[in-house]
Amino acid sequence: MIAFLTLELHIEVAQSLKDKRQVVRSLKDRLRAHFNVAVAELDSTGLWNRATLGVVSISDSRDYLDGLMKNIERQAARIANNAGAEITDSFVEFL
């Protein structure tokens, strides 16, 4: 099974693309280190107050992946809030 979590972010404190990159990079690095998952920015637009992140993990257990993605979503919300951002939408797909 493959679990794919998509996170839509609104970065309130970003006044430039540099500010956006700092928040996104911090979130990506922390999720990778804590959960050992693949994280990438999707839909890289020129808007500095919006970002979309994709998080992927593989396991033979759907229950494990479901719990993992819920934990990642909770942790991502905490990290984002501390960095001045907000998760506006999220959804999980299983392949």
PDB file of N, CA and C in Angstrom:
ATOM      1  N   MET A   1       0.834  -1.184   0.000  1.00  0.00           N
ATOM      2  CA  MET A   1       0.000   0.000   0.000  1.00  0.00           C
ATOM      3  C   MET A   1       0.883   1.253   0.000  1.00  0.00           C
ATOM      4  N   ILE A   2       0.383   2.254  -0.668  1.00  0.00           N
ATOM      5  CA  ILE A   2       1.035   3.562  -0.696  1.00  0.00           C
ATOM      6  C   ILE A   2       0.034   4.580  -0.180  1.00  0.00           C
ATOM      7  N   ALA A   3       0.445   5.398   0.774  1.00  0.00           N
ATOM      8  CA  ALA A   3      -0.395   6.475   1.294  1.00  0.00           C
ATOM      9  C   ALA A   3       0.182   7.803   0.824  1.00  0.00           C
ATOM     10  N   PHE A   4      -0.710   8.652   0.317  1.00  0.00           N
ATOM     11  CA  PHE A   4      -0.312   9.959  -0.196  1.00  0.00           C
ATOM     12  C   PHE A   4      -1.153  11.025   0.492  1.00  0.00           C
ATOM     13  N   LEU A   5      -0.509  11.858   1.311  1.00  0.00           N
ATOM     14  CA  LEU A   5      -1.167  12.933   2.047  1.00  0.00           C
ATOM     15  C   LEU A   5      -0.852  14.255   1.361  1.00  0.00           C
ATOM     16  N   THR A   6      -1.882  15.024   1.067  1.00  0.00           N
ATOM     17  CA  THR A   6      -1.705  16.348   0.476  1.00  0.00           C
ATOM     18  C   THR A   6      -2.101  17.397   1.505  1.00  0.00           C
ATOM     19  N   LEU A   7      -1.234  18.368   1.716  1.00  0.00           N
ATOM     20  CA  LEU A   7      -1.474  19.450   2.669  1.00  0.00           C
ATOM     21  C   LEU A   7      -1.471  20.783   1.926  1.00  0.00           C
ATOM     22  N   GLU A   8      -2.545  21.536   2.065  1.00  0.00           N
ATOM     23  CA  GLU A   8      -2.638  22.882   1.494  1.00  0.00           C
ATOM     24  C   GLU A   8      -2.337  23.870   2.611  1.00  0.00           C
ATOM     25  N   LEU A   9      -1.372  24.755   2.392  1.00  0.00           N
ATOM     26  CA  LEU A   9      -0.955  25.708   3.418  1.00  0.00           C
ATOM     27  C   LEU A   9      -1.274  27.138   3.019  1.00  0.00           C
ATOM     28  N   HIS A  10      -1.677  27.912   4.001  1.00  0.00           N
ATOM     29  CA  HIS A  10      -1.770  29.359   3.856  1.00  0.00           C
ATOM     30  C   HIS A  10      -0.736  29.940   4.817  1.00  0.00           C
ATOM     31  N   ILE A  11       0.243  30.642   4.277  1.00  0.00           N
ATOM     32  CA  ILE A  11       1.354  31.162   5.077  1.00  0.00           C
ATOM     33  C   ILE A  11       1.109  32.646   5.324  1.00  0.00           C
ATOM     34  N   GLU A  12       0.557  32.942   6.491  1.00  0.00           N
ATOM     35  CA  GLU A  12       0.128  34.299   6.817  1.00  0.00           C
ATOM     36  C   GLU A  12       1.288  35.271   6.968  1.00  0.00           C
ATOM     37  N   VAL A  13       2.412  34.790   7.484  1.00  0.00           N
ATOM     38  CA  VAL A  13       3.534  35.678   7.784  1.00  0.00           C
ATOM     39  C   VAL A  13       4.434  35.945   6.585  1.00  0.00           C
ATOM     40  N   ALA A  14       4.209  35.254   5.478  1.00  0.00           N
ATOM     41  CA  ALA A  14       5.109  35.384   4.323  1.00  0.00           C
ATOM     42  C   ALA A  14       4.888  36.717   3.618  1.00  0.00           C
ATOM     43  N   GLN A  15       5.967  37.461   3.476  1.00  0.00           N
ATOM     44  CA  GLN A  15       5.947  38.715   2.741  1.00  0.00           C
ATOM     45  C   GLN A  15       6.748  38.619   1.444  1.00  0.00           C
ATOM     46  N   SER A  16       7.379  37.451   1.225  1.00  0.00           N
ATOM     47  CA  SER A  16       8.186  37.241   0.027  1.00  0.00           C
ATOM     48  C   SER A  16       8.312  35.739  -0.211  1.00  0.00           C
ATOM     49  N   LEU A  17       8.858  35.380  -1.367  1.00  0.00           N
ATOM     50  CA  LEU A  17       9.095  33.968  -1.645  1.00  0.00           C
ATOM     51  C   LEU A  17      10.136  33.382  -0.695  1.00  0.00           C
ATOM     52  N   LYS A  18      11.052  34.217  -0.239  1.00  0.00           N
ATOM     53  CA  LYS A  18      12.052  33.757   0.721  1.00  0.00           C
ATOM     54  C   LYS A  18      11.384  33.337   2.033  1.00  0.00           C
ATOM     55  N   ASP A  19      10.413  34.112   2.495  1.00  0.00           N
ATOM     56  CA  ASP A  19       9.679  33.755   3.706  1.00  0.00           C
ATOM     57  C   ASP A  19       8.919  32.451   3.514  1.00  0.00           C
ATOM     58  N   LYS A  20       8.309  32.296   2.342  1.00  0.00           N
ATOM     59  CA  LYS A  20       7.563  31.073   2.039  1.00  0.00           C
ATOM     60  C   LYS A  20       8.498  29.868   2.059  1.00  0.00           C
ATOM     61  N   ARG A  21       9.630  29.985   1.375  1.00  0.00           N
ATOM     62  CA  ARG A  21      10.583  28.878   1.318  1.00  0.00           C
ATOM     63  C   ARG A  21      11.075  28.483   2.704  1.00  0.00           C
ATOM     64  N   GLN A  22      11.269  29.457   3.580  1.00  0.00           N
ATOM     65  CA  GLN A  22      11.750  29.173   4.930  1.00  0.00           C
ATOM     66  C   GLN A  22      10.725  28.326   5.692  1.00  0.00           C
ATOM     67  N   VAL A  23       9.456  28.682   5.599  1.00  0.00           N
ATOM     68  CA  VAL A  23       8.403  27.934   6.288  1.00  0.00           C
ATOM     69  C   VAL A  23       8.266  26.539   5.690  1.00  0.00           C
ATOM     70  N   VAL A  24       8.229  26.449   4.360  1.00  0.00           N
ATOM     71  CA  VAL A  24       8.049  25.168   3.681  1.00  0.00           C
ATOM     72  C   VAL A  24       9.241  24.247   3.957  1.00  0.00           C
ATOM     73  N   ARG A  25      10.442  24.774   3.872  1.00  0.00           N
ATOM     74  CA  ARG A  25      11.637  23.961   4.112  1.00  0.00           C
ATOM     75  C   ARG A  25      11.658  23.432   5.546  1.00  0.00           C
ATOM     76  N   SER A  26      11.311  24.265   6.500  1.00  0.00           N
ATOM     77  CA  SER A  26      11.276  23.839   7.896  1.00  0.00           C
ATOM     78  C   SER A  26      10.259  22.717   8.093  1.00  0.00           C
ATOM     79  N   LEU A  27       9.089  22.863   7.523  1.00  0.00           N
ATOM     80  CA  LEU A  27       8.055  21.838   7.643  1.00  0.00           C
ATOM     81  C   LEU A  27       8.491  20.536   6.985  1.00  0.00           C
ATOM     82  N   LYS A  28       9.037  20.617   5.791  1.00  0.00           N
ATOM     83  CA  LYS A  28       9.502  19.415   5.085  1.00  0.00           C
ATOM     84  C   LYS A  28      10.601  18.704   5.865  1.00  0.00           C
ATOM     85  N   ASP A  29      11.588  19.443   6.327  1.00  0.00           N
ATOM     86  CA  ASP A  29      12.712  18.838   7.049  1.00  0.00           C
ATOM     87  C   ASP A  29      12.268  18.165   8.344  1.00  0.00           C
ATOM     88  N   ARG A  30      11.380  18.805   9.078  1.00  0.00           N
ATOM     89  CA  ARG A  30      10.923  18.237  10.343  1.00  0.00           C
ATOM     90  C   ARG A  30      10.087  16.979  10.130  1.00  0.00           C
ATOM     91  N   LEU A  31       9.213  16.985   9.124  1.00  0.00           N
ATOM     92  CA  LEU A  31       8.400  15.792   8.862  1.00  0.00           C
ATOM     93  C   LEU A  31       9.275  14.628   8.403  1.00  0.00           C
ATOM     94  N   ARG A  32      10.248  14.914   7.543  1.00  0.00           N
ATOM     95  CA  ARG A  32      11.169  13.861   7.091  1.00  0.00           C
ATOM     96  C   ARG A  32      11.929  13.250   8.258  1.00  0.00           C
ATOM     97  N   ALA A  33      12.457  14.094   9.118  1.00  0.00           N
ATOM     98  CA  ALA A  33      13.283  13.623  10.228  1.00  0.00           C
ATOM     99  C   ALA A  33      12.473  12.849  11.263  1.00  0.00           C
ATOM    100  N   HIS A  34      11.276  13.311  11.554  1.00  0.00           N
ATOM    101  CA  HIS A  34      10.486  12.707  12.621  1.00  0.00           C
ATOM    102  C   HIS A  34       9.768  11.436  12.177  1.00  0.00           C
ATOM    103  N   PHE A  35       9.288  11.398  10.927  1.00  0.00           N
ATOM    104  CA  PHE A  35       8.468  10.274  10.476  1.00  0.00           C
ATOM    105  C   PHE A  35       9.129   9.396   9.414  1.00  0.00           C
ATOM    106  N   ASN A  36      10.280   9.792   8.907  1.00  0.00           N
ATOM    107  CA  ASN A  36      10.962   9.034   7.857  1.00  0.00           C
ATOM    108  C   ASN A  36      10.052   8.794   6.643  1.00  0.00           C
ATOM    109  N   VAL A  37       9.510   9.879   6.117  1.00  0.00           N
ATOM    110  CA  VAL A  37       8.635   9.839   4.948  1.00  0.00           C
ATOM    111  C   VAL A  37       9.211  10.737   3.866  1.00  0.00           C
ATOM    112  N   ALA A  38       8.705  10.578   2.660  1.00  0.00           N
ATOM    113  CA  ALA A  38       9.101  11.453   1.558  1.00  0.00           C
ATOM    114  C   ALA A  38       8.156  12.657   1.534  1.00  0.00           C
ATOM    115  N   VAL A  39       8.729  13.856   1.446  1.00  0.00           N
ATOM    116  CA  VAL A  39       7.944  15.090   1.437  1.00  0.00           C
ATOM    117  C   VAL A  39       8.441  15.959   0.291  1.00  0.00           C
ATOM    118  N   ALA A  40       7.489  16.521  -0.465  1.00  0.00           N
ATOM    119  CA  ALA A  40       7.866  17.399  -1.579  1.00  0.00           C
ATOM    120  C   ALA A  40       6.839  18.511  -1.716  1.00  0.00           C
ATOM    121  N   GLU A  41       7.307  19.659  -2.204  1.00  0.00           N
ATOM    122  CA  GLU A  41       6.382  20.751  -2.500  1.00  0.00           C
ATOM    123  C   GLU A  41       5.772  20.488  -3.868  1.00  0.00           C
ATOM    124  N   LEU A  42       4.463  20.574  -3.935  1.00  0.00           N
ATOM    125  CA  LEU A  42       3.727  20.387  -5.180  1.00  0.00           C
ATOM    126  C   LEU A  42       3.181  21.731  -5.633  1.00  0.00           C
ATOM    127  N   ASP A  43       2.851  21.848  -6.892  1.00  0.00           N
ATOM    128  CA  ASP A  43       2.231  23.070  -7.418  1.00  0.00           C
ATOM    129  C   ASP A  43       2.994  24.319  -7.007  1.00  0.00           C
ATOM    130  N   SER A  44       4.263  24.333  -7.303  1.00  0.00           N
ATOM    131  CA  SER A  44       5.094  25.478  -6.953  1.00  0.00           C
ATOM    132  C   SER A  44       4.664  26.692  -7.766  1.00  0.00           C
ATOM    133  N   THR A  45       3.956  27.605  -7.107  1.00  0.00           N
ATOM    134  CA  THR A  45       3.465  28.805  -7.775  1.00  0.00           C
ATOM    135  C   THR A  45       4.263  30.008  -7.310  1.00  0.00           C
ATOM    136  N   GLY A  46       4.025  31.118  -7.969  1.00  0.00           N
ATOM    137  CA  GLY A  46       4.682  32.358  -7.599  1.00  0.00           C
ATOM    138  C   GLY A  46       4.032  33.042  -6.406  1.00  0.00           C
ATOM    139  N   LEU A  47       2.927  32.469  -5.907  1.00  0.00           N
ATOM    140  CA  LEU A  47       2.267  33.075  -4.755  1.00  0.00           C
ATOM    141  C   LEU A  47       3.059  32.756  -3.489  1.00  0.00           C
ATOM    142  N   TRP A  48       3.395  33.769  -2.734  1.00  0.00           N
ATOM    143  CA  TRP A  48       4.228  33.528  -1.566  1.00  0.00           C
ATOM    144  C   TRP A  48       3.430  33.222  -0.298  1.00  0.00           C
ATOM    145  N   ASN A  49       2.105  33.280  -0.373  1.00  0.00           N
ATOM    146  CA  ASN A  49       1.335  32.963   0.825  1.00  0.00           C
ATOM    147  C   ASN A  49       0.588  31.634   0.731  1.00  0.00           C
ATOM    148  N   ARG A  50       0.849  30.854  -0.311  1.00  0.00           N
ATOM    149  CA  ARG A  50       0.220  29.538  -0.475  1.00  0.00           C
ATOM    150  C   ARG A  50       1.264  28.500  -0.865  1.00  0.00           C
ATOM    151  N   ALA A  51       1.042  27.270  -0.373  1.00  0.00           N
ATOM    152  CA  ALA A  51       1.933  26.163  -0.726  1.00  0.00           C
ATOM    153  C   ALA A  51       1.149  24.865  -0.624  1.00  0.00           C
ATOM    154  N   THR A  52       1.557  23.883  -1.405  1.00  0.00           N
ATOM    155  CA  THR A  52       0.974  22.548  -1.357  1.00  0.00           C
ATOM    156  C   THR A  52       2.112  21.562  -1.148  1.00  0.00           C
ATOM    157  N   LEU A  53       1.972  20.714  -0.120  1.00  0.00           N
ATOM    158  CA  LEU A  53       2.973  19.702   0.171  1.00  0.00           C
ATOM    159  C   LEU A  53       2.377  18.317  -0.014  1.00  0.00           C
ATOM    160  N   GLY A  54       3.191  17.400  -0.517  1.00  0.00           N
ATOM    161  CA  GLY A  54       2.801  16.002  -0.631  1.00  0.00           C
ATOM    162  C   GLY A  54       3.691  15.153   0.258  1.00  0.00           C
ATOM    163  N   VAL A  55       3.070  14.235   0.999  1.00  0.00           N
ATOM    164  CA  VAL A  55       3.786  13.335   1.905  1.00  0.00           C
ATOM    165  C   VAL A  55       3.431  11.908   1.502  1.00  0.00           C
ATOM    166  N   VAL A  56       4.458  11.063   1.308  1.00  0.00           N
ATOM    167  CA  VAL A  56       4.231   9.694   0.843  1.00  0.00           C
ATOM    168  C   VAL A  56       4.947   8.698   1.744  1.00  0.00           C
ATOM    169  N   SER A  57       4.268   7.573   1.984  1.00  0.00           N
ATOM    170  CA  SER A  57       4.873   6.477   2.720  1.00  0.00           C
ATOM    171  C   SER A  57       4.347   5.157   2.164  1.00  0.00           C
ATOM    172  N   ILE A  58       5.113   4.089   2.347  1.00  0.00           N
ATOM    173  CA  ILE A  58       4.771   2.758   1.843  1.00  0.00           C
ATOM    174  C   ILE A  58       4.810   1.770   3.000  1.00  0.00           C
ATOM    175  N   SER A  59       3.829   0.878   3.039  1.00  0.00           N
ATOM    176  CA  SER A  59       3.796  -0.181   4.044  1.00  0.00           C
ATOM    177  C   SER A  59       2.883  -1.291   3.548  1.00  0.00           C
ATOM    178  N   ASP A  60       2.981  -2.453   4.176  1.00  0.00           N
ATOM    179  CA  ASP A  60       2.083  -3.546   3.817  1.00  0.00           C
ATOM    180  C   ASP A  60       0.777  -3.481   4.609  1.00  0.00           C
ATOM    181  N   SER A  61       0.665  -2.538   5.546  1.00  0.00           N
ATOM    182  CA  SER A  61      -0.521  -2.413   6.384  1.00  0.00           C
ATOM    183  C   SER A  61      -1.226  -1.080   6.145  1.00  0.00           C
ATOM    184  N   ARG A  62      -2.461  -1.147   5.699  1.00  0.00           N
ATOM    185  CA  ARG A  62      -3.233   0.079   5.489  1.00  0.00           C
ATOM    186  C   ARG A  62      -3.535   0.767   6.823  1.00  0.00           C
ATOM    187  N   ASP A  63      -3.794  -0.022   7.868  1.00  0.00           N
ATOM    188  CA  ASP A  63      -4.077   0.553   9.183  1.00  0.00           C
ATOM    189  C   ASP A  63      -2.883   1.355   9.696  1.00  0.00           C
ATOM    190  N   TYR A  64      -1.682   0.805   9.511  1.00  0.00           N
ATOM    191  CA  TYR A  64      -0.472   1.516   9.923  1.00  0.00           C
ATOM    192  C   TYR A  64      -0.358   2.840   9.172  1.00  0.00           C
ATOM    193  N   LEU A  65      -0.553   2.801   7.853  1.00  0.00           N
ATOM    194  CA  LEU A  65      -0.442   4.009   7.038  1.00  0.00           C
ATOM    195  C   LEU A  65      -1.500   5.038   7.423  1.00  0.00           C
ATOM    196  N   ASP A  66      -2.706   4.586   7.714  1.00  0.00           N
ATOM    197  CA  ASP A  66      -3.774   5.503   8.105  1.00  0.00           C
ATOM    198  C   ASP A  66      -3.399   6.227   9.398  1.00  0.00           C
ATOM    199  N   GLY A  67      -2.919   5.482  10.382  1.00  0.00           N
ATOM    200  CA  GLY A  67      -2.492   6.094  11.633  1.00  0.00           C
ATOM    201  C   GLY A  67      -1.309   7.022  11.450  1.00  0.00           C
ATOM    202  N   LEU A  68      -0.363   6.608  10.622  1.00  0.00           N
ATOM    203  CA  LEU A  68       0.816   7.428  10.348  1.00  0.00           C
ATOM    204  C   LEU A  68       0.418   8.755   9.718  1.00  0.00           C
ATOM    205  N   MET A  69      -0.459   8.721   8.727  1.00  0.00           N
ATOM    206  CA  MET A  69      -0.871   9.951   8.044  1.00  0.00           C
ATOM    207  C   MET A  69      -1.643  10.881   8.977  1.00  0.00           C
ATOM    208  N   LYS A  70      -2.424  10.330   9.894  1.00  0.00           N
ATOM    209  CA  LYS A  70      -3.127  11.163  10.882  1.00  0.00           C
ATOM    210  C   LYS A  70      -2.129  11.827  11.822  1.00  0.00           C
ATOM    211  N   ASN A  71      -1.122  11.071  12.246  1.00  0.00           N
ATOM    212  CA  ASN A  71      -0.081  11.646  13.107  1.00  0.00           C
ATOM    213  C   ASN A  71       0.704  12.730  12.380  1.00  0.00           C
ATOM    214  N   ILE A  72       1.022  12.485  11.123  1.00  0.00           N
ATOM    215  CA  ILE A  72       1.754  13.474  10.322  1.00  0.00           C
ATOM    216  C   ILE A  72       0.929  14.740  10.177  1.00  0.00           C
ATOM    217  N   GLU A  73      -0.355  14.588   9.920  1.00  0.00           N
ATOM    218  CA  GLU A  73      -1.227  15.751   9.764  1.00  0.00           C
ATOM    219  C   GLU A  73      -1.283  16.581  11.051  1.00  0.00           C
ATOM    220  N   ARG A  74      -1.408  15.922  12.194  1.00  0.00           N
ATOM    221  CA  ARG A  74      -1.429  16.635  13.483  1.00  0.00           C
ATOM    222  C   ARG A  74      -0.109  17.364  13.731  1.00  0.00           C
ATOM    223  N   GLN A  75       1.007  16.666  13.490  1.00  0.00           N
ATOM    224  CA  GLN A  75       2.319  17.278  13.699  1.00  0.00           C
ATOM    225  C   GLN A  75       2.554  18.430  12.717  1.00  0.00           C
ATOM    226  N   ALA A  76       2.139  18.253  11.482  1.00  0.00           N
ATOM    227  CA  ALA A  76       2.296  19.317  10.480  1.00  0.00           C
ATOM    228  C   ALA A  76       1.511  20.556  10.882  1.00  0.00           C
ATOM    229  N   ALA A  77       0.316  20.366  11.447  1.00  0.00           N
ATOM    230  CA  ALA A  77      -0.492  21.504  11.896  1.00  0.00           C
ATOM    231  C   ALA A  77       0.230  22.253  13.016  1.00  0.00           C
ATOM    232  N   ARG A  78       0.835  21.519  13.951  1.00  0.00           N
ATOM    233  CA  ARG A  78       1.588  22.164  15.037  1.00  0.00           C
ATOM    234  C   ARG A  78       2.783  22.942  14.502  1.00  0.00           C
ATOM    235  N   ILE A  79       3.546  22.303  13.627  1.00  0.00           N
ATOM    236  CA  ILE A  79       4.734  22.953  13.068  1.00  0.00           C
ATOM    237  C   ILE A  79       4.329  24.191  12.271  1.00  0.00           C
ATOM    238  N   ALA A  80       3.297  24.064  11.458  1.00  0.00           N
ATOM    239  CA  ALA A  80       2.835  25.181  10.636  1.00  0.00           C
ATOM    240  C   ALA A  80       2.368  26.342  11.517  1.00  0.00           C
ATOM    241  N   ASN A  81       1.592  26.044  12.547  1.00  0.00           N
ATOM    242  CA  ASN A  81       1.116  27.107  13.437  1.00  0.00           C
ATOM    243  C   ASN A  81       2.264  27.828  14.115  1.00  0.00           C
ATOM    244  N   ASN A  82       3.288  27.109  14.529  1.00  0.00           N
ATOM    245  CA  ASN A  82       4.453  27.730  15.151  1.00  0.00           C
ATOM    246  C   ASN A  82       5.229  28.597  14.170  1.00  0.00           C
ATOM    247  N   ALA A  83       5.137  28.285  12.877  1.00  0.00           N
ATOM    248  CA  ALA A  83       5.867  29.037  11.859  1.00  0.00           C
ATOM    249  C   ALA A  83       5.029  30.160  11.254  1.00  0.00           C
ATOM    250  N   GLY A  84       3.796  30.350  11.731  1.00  0.00           N
ATOM    251  CA  GLY A  84       2.943  31.409  11.214  1.00  0.00           C
ATOM    252  C   GLY A  84       2.146  31.005   9.992  1.00  0.00           C
ATOM    253  N   ALA A  85       1.885  29.709   9.846  1.00  0.00           N
ATOM    254  CA  ALA A  85       1.115  29.212   8.708  1.00  0.00           C
ATOM    255  C   ALA A  85      -0.070  28.408   9.236  1.00  0.00           C
ATOM    256  N   GLU A  86      -0.960  28.064   8.312  1.00  0.00           N
ATOM    257  CA  GLU A  86      -2.153  27.310   8.670  1.00  0.00           C
ATOM    258  C   GLU A  86      -2.433  26.288   7.576  1.00  0.00           C
ATOM    259  N   ILE A  87      -2.802  25.074   7.985  1.00  0.00           N
ATOM    260  CA  ILE A  87      -3.215  24.062   7.004  1.00  0.00           C
ATOM    261  C   ILE A  87      -4.686  24.300   6.706  1.00  0.00           C
ATOM    262  N   THR A  88      -4.968  24.684   5.474  1.00  0.00           N
ATOM    263  CA  THR A  88      -6.347  24.991   5.095  1.00  0.00           C
ATOM    264  C   THR A  88      -7.101  23.773   4.584  1.00  0.00           C
ATOM    265  N   ASP A  89      -6.389  22.788   4.073  1.00  0.00           N
ATOM    266  CA  ASP A  89      -7.037  21.581   3.556  1.00  0.00           C
ATOM    267  C   ASP A  89      -6.034  20.428   3.563  1.00  0.00           C
ATOM    268  N   SER A  90      -6.549  19.223   3.740  1.00  0.00           N
ATOM    269  CA  SER A  90      -5.697  18.041   3.668  1.00  0.00           C
ATOM    270  C   SER A  90      -6.543  16.851   3.275  1.00  0.00           C
ATOM    271  N   PHE A  91      -5.938  15.925   2.563  1.00  0.00           N
ATOM    272  CA  PHE A  91      -6.632  14.698   2.227  1.00  0.00           C
ATOM    273  C   PHE A  91      -5.631  13.593   1.964  1.00  0.00           C
ATOM    274  N   VAL A  92      -6.062  12.348   2.209  1.00  0.00           N
ATOM    275  CA  VAL A  92      -5.217  11.175   2.087  1.00  0.00           C
ATOM    276  C   VAL A  92      -5.777  10.278   1.001  1.00  0.00           C
ATOM    277  N   GLU A  93      -4.878   9.748   0.167  1.00  0.00           N
ATOM    278  CA  GLU A  93      -5.240   8.765  -0.855  1.00  0.00           C
ATOM    279  C   GLU A  93      -4.418   7.515  -0.602  1.00  0.00           C
ATOM    280  N   PHE A  94      -5.040   6.364  -0.823  1.00  0.00           N
ATOM    281  CA  PHE A  94      -4.334   5.087  -0.717  1.00  0.00           C
ATOM    282  C   PHE A  94      -4.300   4.438  -2.092  1.00  0.00           C
ATOM    283  N   LEU A  95      -3.137   4.020  -2.502  1.00  0.00           N
ATOM    284  CA  LEU A  95      -2.968   3.383  -3.807  1.00  0.00           C
ATOM    285  C   LEU A  95      -2.497   1.959  -3.632  1.00  0.00           C
TER     286      LEU A  95
END
